[in-house]
Protein backbone atom coordinates (compact mmCIF):
# COMPACT_ATOMS: atom_id res chain seq x y z
CA MET A 1 92.59 95.74 91.18
CA ARG A 2 95.67 97.64 89.84
CA ILE A 3 97.11 100.69 91.57
CA THR A 4 100.37 102.77 90.75
CA ALA A 5 103.41 102.54 93.09
CA ASP A 6 103.01 106.23 93.73
CA GLU A 7 99.38 105.75 94.76
CA ALA A 8 100.51 103.13 97.17
CA MET A 9 103.21 105.35 98.59
CA SER A 10 100.91 108.19 98.96
CA VAL A 11 98.18 106.34 100.87
CA ALA A 12 100.70 104.49 103.13
CA ARG A 13 102.54 107.74 104.11
CA PHE A 14 99.19 109.57 104.64
CA LEU A 15 98.02 106.94 107.05
CA LEU A 16 101.34 106.68 108.88
CA GLU A 17 101.87 110.43 109.15
CA ARG A 18 98.13 110.95 110.32
CA ALA A 19 98.93 108.20 113.09
CA GLY A 20 101.82 110.45 114.29
CA VAL A 21 104.76 108.93 112.55
CA PRO A 22 107.50 111.61 111.66
CA ASP A 23 107.76 112.34 107.88
CA GLU A 24 111.12 110.47 107.15
CA HIS A 25 110.18 107.48 109.30
CA ALA A 26 106.75 107.19 107.51
CA ARG A 27 108.56 107.35 104.12
CA LEU A 28 110.98 104.54 105.11
CA GLN A 29 108.19 102.36 106.58
CA ALA A 30 105.96 103.00 103.43
CA GLU A 31 108.87 102.34 101.02
CA VAL A 32 109.43 98.85 102.56
CA LEU A 33 105.73 98.00 102.29
CA VAL A 34 105.47 99.14 98.72
CA GLU A 35 108.66 97.52 97.67
CA ALA A 36 107.10 94.17 98.65
CA GLU A 37 104.13 94.93 96.70
CA LEU A 38 106.14 95.84 93.65
CA ARG A 39 108.07 92.52 93.83
CA GLY A 40 105.00 90.44 94.10
CA HIS A 41 105.13 89.75 97.74
CA ALA A 42 101.61 90.99 99.10
CA SER A 43 102.31 89.14 102.21
CA HIS A 44 104.63 91.65 103.38
CA GLY A 45 103.07 94.69 101.63
CA LEU A 46 100.01 96.84 102.31
CA GLN A 47 98.14 94.21 104.15
CA ARG A 48 100.53 94.85 107.01
CA LEU A 49 99.60 98.33 107.27
CA PRO A 50 96.37 98.17 109.15
CA ARG A 51 97.92 95.97 111.89
CA LEU A 52 100.84 98.39 112.35
CA LEU A 53 98.46 101.39 112.58
CA ALA A 54 96.72 99.45 115.35
CA ARG A 55 99.90 98.80 117.09
CA ILE A 56 100.76 102.55 116.92
CA ARG A 57 97.25 103.29 118.09
CA HIS A 58 97.57 100.98 121.14
CA GLY A 59 100.83 102.49 122.16
CA LEU A 60 103.05 99.48 121.15
CA VAL A 61 105.28 101.43 118.60
CA ASN A 62 107.60 104.24 119.47
CA VAL A 63 107.17 106.26 116.26
CA SER A 64 110.17 108.38 116.82
CA ALA A 65 112.78 105.88 118.05
CA THR A 66 115.69 104.93 116.00
CA GLY A 67 117.14 102.52 118.61
CA ARG A 68 119.69 102.87 121.35
CA GLN A 69 123.06 101.54 119.87
CA ALA A 70 126.16 100.27 121.87
CA TRP A 71 129.37 98.69 120.72
CA ARG A 72 129.70 95.40 122.94
CA ARG A 73 132.82 94.44 120.95
CA SER A 74 134.75 96.25 118.17
CA ALA A 75 132.54 94.40 115.54
CA TYR A 76 129.49 93.61 117.59
CA LEU A 77 126.67 96.31 117.74
CA TYR A 78 123.92 95.70 120.43
CA VAL A 79 120.87 97.58 119.64
CA ASP A 80 117.66 98.11 121.83
CA GLY A 81 115.12 99.13 119.24
CA GLU A 82 113.14 101.02 121.88
CA ALA A 83 110.02 99.77 120.38
CA GLY A 84 110.61 101.62 117.16
CA LEU A 85 109.43 100.94 113.56
CA GLY A 86 111.48 97.89 112.26
CA PRO A 87 112.73 99.52 109.07
CA VAL A 88 113.89 102.72 110.97
CA VAL A 89 115.85 100.86 113.61
CA ALA A 90 117.23 98.29 111.14
CA MET A 91 118.47 101.09 108.63
CA ALA A 92 119.93 103.09 111.44
CA ALA A 93 121.91 100.09 112.56
CA ILE A 94 122.98 99.23 108.98
CA ARG A 95 124.37 102.72 108.43
CA VAL A 96 126.45 102.39 111.51
CA LEU A 97 127.69 98.98 110.63
CA MET A 98 128.77 100.25 107.12
CA ASP A 99 130.76 102.97 108.79
CA ARG A 100 132.60 100.30 110.99
CA VAL A 101 133.27 97.55 108.58
CA ALA A 102 136.11 99.47 106.88
CA GLU A 103 137.95 98.98 110.03
CA THR A 104 136.87 95.66 111.27
CA GLY A 105 136.26 93.75 107.96
CA ILE A 106 132.94 92.42 109.37
CA ALA A 107 130.32 93.90 111.65
CA VAL A 108 127.40 92.35 113.25
CA ALA A 109 124.35 93.83 114.73
CA GLY A 110 121.84 92.25 117.17
CA ILE A 111 118.48 93.95 117.59
CA PHE A 112 115.78 93.37 120.10
CA ASN A 113 112.69 95.32 121.06
CA SER A 114 111.95 96.37 117.48
CA ASN A 115 108.86 96.14 115.36
CA HIS A 116 108.34 94.02 112.23
CA LEU A 117 110.91 94.47 109.35
CA GLY A 118 108.79 93.42 106.47
CA MET A 119 110.70 91.54 103.53
CA LEU A 120 114.47 91.41 104.25
CA ALA A 121 115.82 91.98 100.61
CA PRO A 122 115.68 95.90 100.68
CA TYR A 123 118.07 95.97 103.69
CA VAL A 124 120.78 93.72 102.36
CA GLU A 125 120.47 95.41 98.91
CA ARG A 126 121.22 98.68 100.55
CA VAL A 127 124.45 97.01 101.84
CA ALA A 128 125.31 95.67 98.41
CA GLU A 129 124.79 99.04 96.68
CA SER A 130 127.66 100.26 98.94
CA GLY A 131 129.95 97.41 97.73
CA TYR A 132 129.63 95.24 100.75
CA ILE A 133 128.15 91.80 101.40
CA GLY A 134 124.90 92.00 103.47
CA MET A 135 123.24 89.33 105.49
CA ALA A 136 119.92 89.58 107.43
CA LEU A 137 118.05 87.15 109.73
CA SER A 138 114.99 87.64 111.66
CA SER A 139 112.80 85.50 114.08
CA SER A 140 108.84 85.35 114.68
CA GLU A 141 106.21 83.74 116.49
CA ALA A 142 105.94 79.99 116.42
CA LEU A 143 104.41 79.42 113.02
CA VAL A 144 106.26 76.39 111.64
CA HIS A 145 105.94 72.92 112.81
CA PRO A 146 109.13 70.64 113.16
CA HIS A 147 109.67 67.97 110.58
CA SER A 148 107.21 65.23 111.44
CA GLY A 149 105.58 67.53 113.97
CA ALA A 150 101.90 68.54 114.29
CA GLU A 151 102.21 72.08 115.99
CA ALA A 152 104.16 75.19 115.57
CA MET A 153 107.28 75.43 117.41
CA LEU A 154 109.65 77.54 115.19
CA GLY A 155 109.42 80.95 113.48
CA THR A 156 109.57 81.29 109.66
CA ASN A 157 113.09 82.62 110.53
CA PRO A 158 113.92 84.07 107.08
CA ILE A 159 117.39 84.93 105.72
CA ALA A 160 118.49 87.32 103.24
CA ILE A 161 121.97 87.55 101.54
CA ALA A 162 123.15 90.04 99.03
CA VAL A 163 126.50 90.10 97.19
CA PRO A 164 127.52 92.89 94.85
CA ALA A 165 127.47 92.14 91.17
CA ARG A 166 126.87 94.62 88.35
CA PRO A 167 125.34 97.87 89.36
CA GLY A 168 121.65 97.67 90.21
CA GLU A 169 121.70 93.76 89.84
CA PRO A 170 123.33 92.21 93.05
CA PHE A 171 122.75 88.65 93.90
CA VAL A 172 119.81 88.66 96.40
CA LEU A 173 118.52 85.68 98.11
CA ASP A 174 115.51 86.12 100.48
CA LEU A 175 113.70 83.32 101.82
CA ALA A 176 111.95 81.92 104.89
CA THR A 177 112.77 78.57 106.22
CA SER A 178 109.07 77.70 105.87
CA VAL A 179 107.31 76.64 102.58
CA ILE A 180 105.48 80.00 102.62
CA SER A 181 105.17 83.08 105.08
CA MET A 182 102.22 83.27 107.37
CA GLY A 183 101.77 86.64 105.70
CA LYS A 184 101.12 84.77 102.51
CA VAL A 185 98.50 82.74 104.10
CA HIS A 186 96.81 85.80 105.34
CA ASP A 187 96.97 87.16 101.73
CA TYR A 188 95.34 84.04 100.34
CA ALA A 189 92.57 84.20 103.06
CA LEU A 190 92.10 87.94 102.14
CA ARG A 191 91.57 86.94 98.40
CA GLY A 192 89.50 83.79 99.32
CA GLU A 193 92.00 81.46 97.55
CA PRO A 194 92.98 78.01 98.54
CA LEU A 195 96.55 77.07 99.59
CA GLU A 196 98.56 74.45 97.92
CA GLU A 197 98.63 70.85 99.43
CA GLY A 198 101.51 70.37 101.68
CA TRP A 199 101.90 74.04 102.73
CA ALA A 200 100.17 73.92 106.00
CA LEU A 201 98.30 72.14 108.85
CA ASP A 202 95.29 73.24 110.69
CA ALA A 203 95.07 73.65 114.54
CA GLU A 204 94.46 69.95 115.06
CA GLY A 205 97.59 69.05 112.96
CA ARG A 206 95.83 67.90 109.95
CA PRO A 207 96.81 68.91 106.39
CA THR A 208 94.75 71.79 105.07
CA THR A 209 94.36 73.98 102.02
CA ASP A 210 91.93 76.31 103.79
CA ALA A 211 93.78 79.52 104.37
CA GLU A 212 91.58 80.53 107.27
CA ALA A 213 92.16 77.12 109.12
CA ALA A 214 95.94 77.40 108.41
CA LYS A 215 96.02 80.80 110.26
CA ALA A 216 95.25 78.99 113.41
CA GLY A 217 97.61 76.00 112.48
CA SER A 218 101.21 75.75 111.46
CA LEU A 219 103.29 75.92 108.22
CA ALA A 220 105.46 73.19 106.82
CA PRO A 221 109.23 73.81 106.76
CA PHE A 222 110.78 74.00 103.30
CA GLY A 223 112.68 71.00 102.22
CA GLY A 224 111.56 68.61 104.88
CA ALA A 225 114.22 67.82 107.50
CA LYS A 226 116.71 70.05 105.94
CA GLY A 227 114.67 73.14 106.06
CA TYR A 228 113.60 72.38 109.42
CA GLY A 229 117.27 71.96 110.67
CA LEU A 230 118.15 75.36 108.99
CA GLY A 231 115.03 76.98 110.64
CA LEU A 232 116.09 75.69 114.02
CA ALA A 233 119.73 76.82 113.53
CA PHE A 234 118.66 80.31 112.56
CA GLU A 235 116.18 80.42 115.48
CA LEU A 236 119.13 79.75 117.91
CA LEU A 237 121.58 81.94 116.11
CA VAL A 238 119.16 84.96 116.27
CA ALA A 239 118.25 84.46 119.85
CA SER A 240 121.84 84.16 120.92
CA ILE A 241 123.18 87.24 119.09
CA ALA A 242 120.04 89.46 119.62
CA GLY A 243 118.97 88.18 123.03
CA SER A 244 115.39 87.79 121.83
CA ALA A 245 112.75 85.21 122.85
CA PHE A 246 112.31 81.70 121.35
CA ALA A 247 109.39 81.29 118.84
CA PRO A 248 106.86 79.94 121.30
CA ASP A 249 107.18 82.99 123.44
CA VAL A 250 107.43 85.60 120.88
CA ARG A 251 104.64 88.12 120.26
CA GLY A 252 104.06 91.19 118.40
CA THR A 253 104.49 90.67 114.62
CA LEU A 254 101.13 89.21 114.09
CA ASP A 255 98.96 90.99 116.75
CA ASP A 256 98.14 94.43 117.95
CA CYS A 257 98.09 93.82 121.71
CA HIS A 258 101.75 92.70 122.58
CA PRO A 259 105.11 94.35 122.45
CA ALA A 260 107.45 92.80 119.83
CA ASN A 261 110.05 90.72 121.23
CA LYS A 262 111.50 88.83 118.18
CA GLY A 263 115.16 89.45 117.15
CA ASP A 264 116.99 90.65 114.02
CA VAL A 265 120.53 90.15 113.18
CA PHE A 266 122.39 92.12 110.45
CA ILE A 267 125.93 91.28 109.23
CA VAL A 268 128.00 93.41 106.85
CA ILE A 269 131.23 92.10 105.26
CA ASP A 270 133.90 94.07 103.46
CA PRO A 271 134.91 91.72 100.42
CA VAL A 272 138.52 90.64 100.39
CA ARG A 273 138.61 91.74 96.60
CA GLN A 274 136.92 94.97 95.71
CA SER A 275 136.84 94.00 92.08
CA LEU A 276 134.91 90.70 93.03
CA ALA A 277 131.60 92.42 91.90
CA ASP A 278 132.63 91.99 88.17
CA VAL A 279 133.84 88.38 88.69
CA ILE A 280 130.46 87.52 90.32
CA ALA A 281 128.42 89.17 87.62
CA ALA A 282 130.40 87.16 85.04
CA TYR A 283 129.66 83.90 86.91
CA LEU A 284 126.00 84.64 87.37
CA ASP A 285 125.74 84.99 83.66
CA ARG A 286 127.48 81.64 83.03
CA VAL A 287 124.82 80.26 85.45
CA ARG A 288 121.87 81.82 83.64
CA ASN A 289 123.24 80.57 80.24
CA ALA A 290 123.85 76.98 81.35
CA ARG A 291 122.28 74.22 79.60
CA VAL A 292 118.57 73.71 80.22
CA ARG A 293 116.86 70.48 80.67
CA ASP A 294 114.14 69.44 78.03
CA GLY A 295 110.87 71.28 78.75
CA ALA A 296 112.20 73.55 81.22
CA GLY A 297 112.09 77.39 81.24
CA ARG A 298 115.16 79.61 81.30
CA ILE A 299 117.52 79.68 84.25
CA LEU A 300 117.20 82.51 86.84
CA VAL A 301 119.48 83.28 89.75
CA PRO A 302 118.08 84.66 93.00
CA GLY A 303 117.04 88.40 92.57
CA ASP A 304 116.11 88.05 88.77
CA ARG A 305 112.35 87.39 89.36
CA ALA A 306 111.96 90.06 91.92
CA ARG A 307 113.55 92.56 89.55
CA SER A 308 111.35 91.52 86.60
CA ARG A 309 108.25 91.54 88.85
CA ARG A 310 109.24 95.17 89.94
CA ARG A 311 109.68 96.41 86.35
CA GLU A 312 106.21 94.90 85.54
CA SER A 313 104.56 96.39 88.56
CA LEU A 314 106.08 99.99 87.89
CA ALA A 315 104.84 99.60 84.22
CA ASN A 316 101.44 97.99 84.80
CA GLY A 317 100.56 98.77 88.42
CA ILE A 318 100.40 96.79 91.68
CA ASN A 319 97.86 94.10 92.03
CA VAL A 320 95.99 94.85 95.46
CA ALA A 321 93.05 92.96 96.90
CA PRO A 322 90.07 95.50 96.37
CA VAL A 323 88.81 94.92 100.04
CA LEU A 324 92.17 95.95 101.36
CA TRP A 325 92.39 99.12 99.19
CA SER A 326 88.85 100.02 100.29
CA ARG A 327 89.89 99.60 103.76
CA LEU A 328 92.94 101.84 103.30
CA THR A 329 91.29 104.46 101.15
CA GLY A 330 87.42 104.35 101.89
CA PRO A 331 85.45 106.38 104.59
CA GLU A 332 86.35 103.81 107.23
CA ALA A 333 90.03 104.53 106.75
CA THR A 334 90.11 107.11 109.56
CA LYS A 335 89.43 104.32 112.02
CA LEU A 336 92.89 102.97 111.28
CA PHE A 337 94.65 105.79 113.11
CA SER A 338 94.18 108.33 115.78
CA PRO A 339 93.67 111.36 113.43
CA LYS A 340 95.03 114.75 114.46
CA GLU A 341 92.31 116.20 112.20
CA GLU A 342 89.40 114.92 110.10
CA GLY A 343 90.00 113.52 106.70
CA HIS A 344 90.93 110.32 104.71
CA PRO A 345 93.10 109.33 101.89
CA SER A 346 91.79 110.47 98.44
């Protein structure tokens, strides 16, 4: 079914605010969820909301926290998220990094004890909009099997990079080091659709296209041994900088019964050349206009498809699974939060 972005924002904010989240924090959390929907990443969109509300209801989220920040070095910010909402803690840290980077040239934040971030692109895009280069990494529960392995040992360990180009169109790379995210597996399961071959193993280590079976199994690293190597490198990097747990011991991004103990890392870089954005925009256009092989479609650079999907979603609506929308807006919606008063989204 199709809904508008305004409808999605209204319902998400309603539920978050009824759960006790302060207005500005609810807006920021809702924006991250709706942005994922607009860009075609339902895995990080509204389907995350019921679990987040359950975590709030169970006392696992400090809805007012923005994180306790401390500069350990001139360019290294250590952040105890104080169990706050992931987007709230992250954006607070990013603002501080951007204030510092003019002095240090590069600034890094390691965040622990903070809840799920959602998709990473919006964070680094915020940095690029200010003329800086942004990088983000995050860790998760053990969801990915090693190359040749049969059980989950690594997180999906995503990375996002944004580099300023022309206004409103930065270079934006946002990907996990697994073939797909576990959120996408949950989305396929919600819609009753099969996975593609090679995406996942079941709990016994056997290849499966059954999304429900994959939820109890593991995901494949992208690119075989190379993706596995990158995922492991990011695992070590995030744990070293943020002081967070390694994947087999991480909890709290896919459940509503454990504190979140994954880690997040943000890096802000002041480009050597402030005029570099124009040069990058011109180069990206050269890439887009390069010769295309026979039978192939047009060349895109990272960020193009997401912007195109976003424009389409704003014009035609967001495609949301009916069962999810019913859960968020129907008579049972009040069970998702601890209401201060009776009522449900309309």
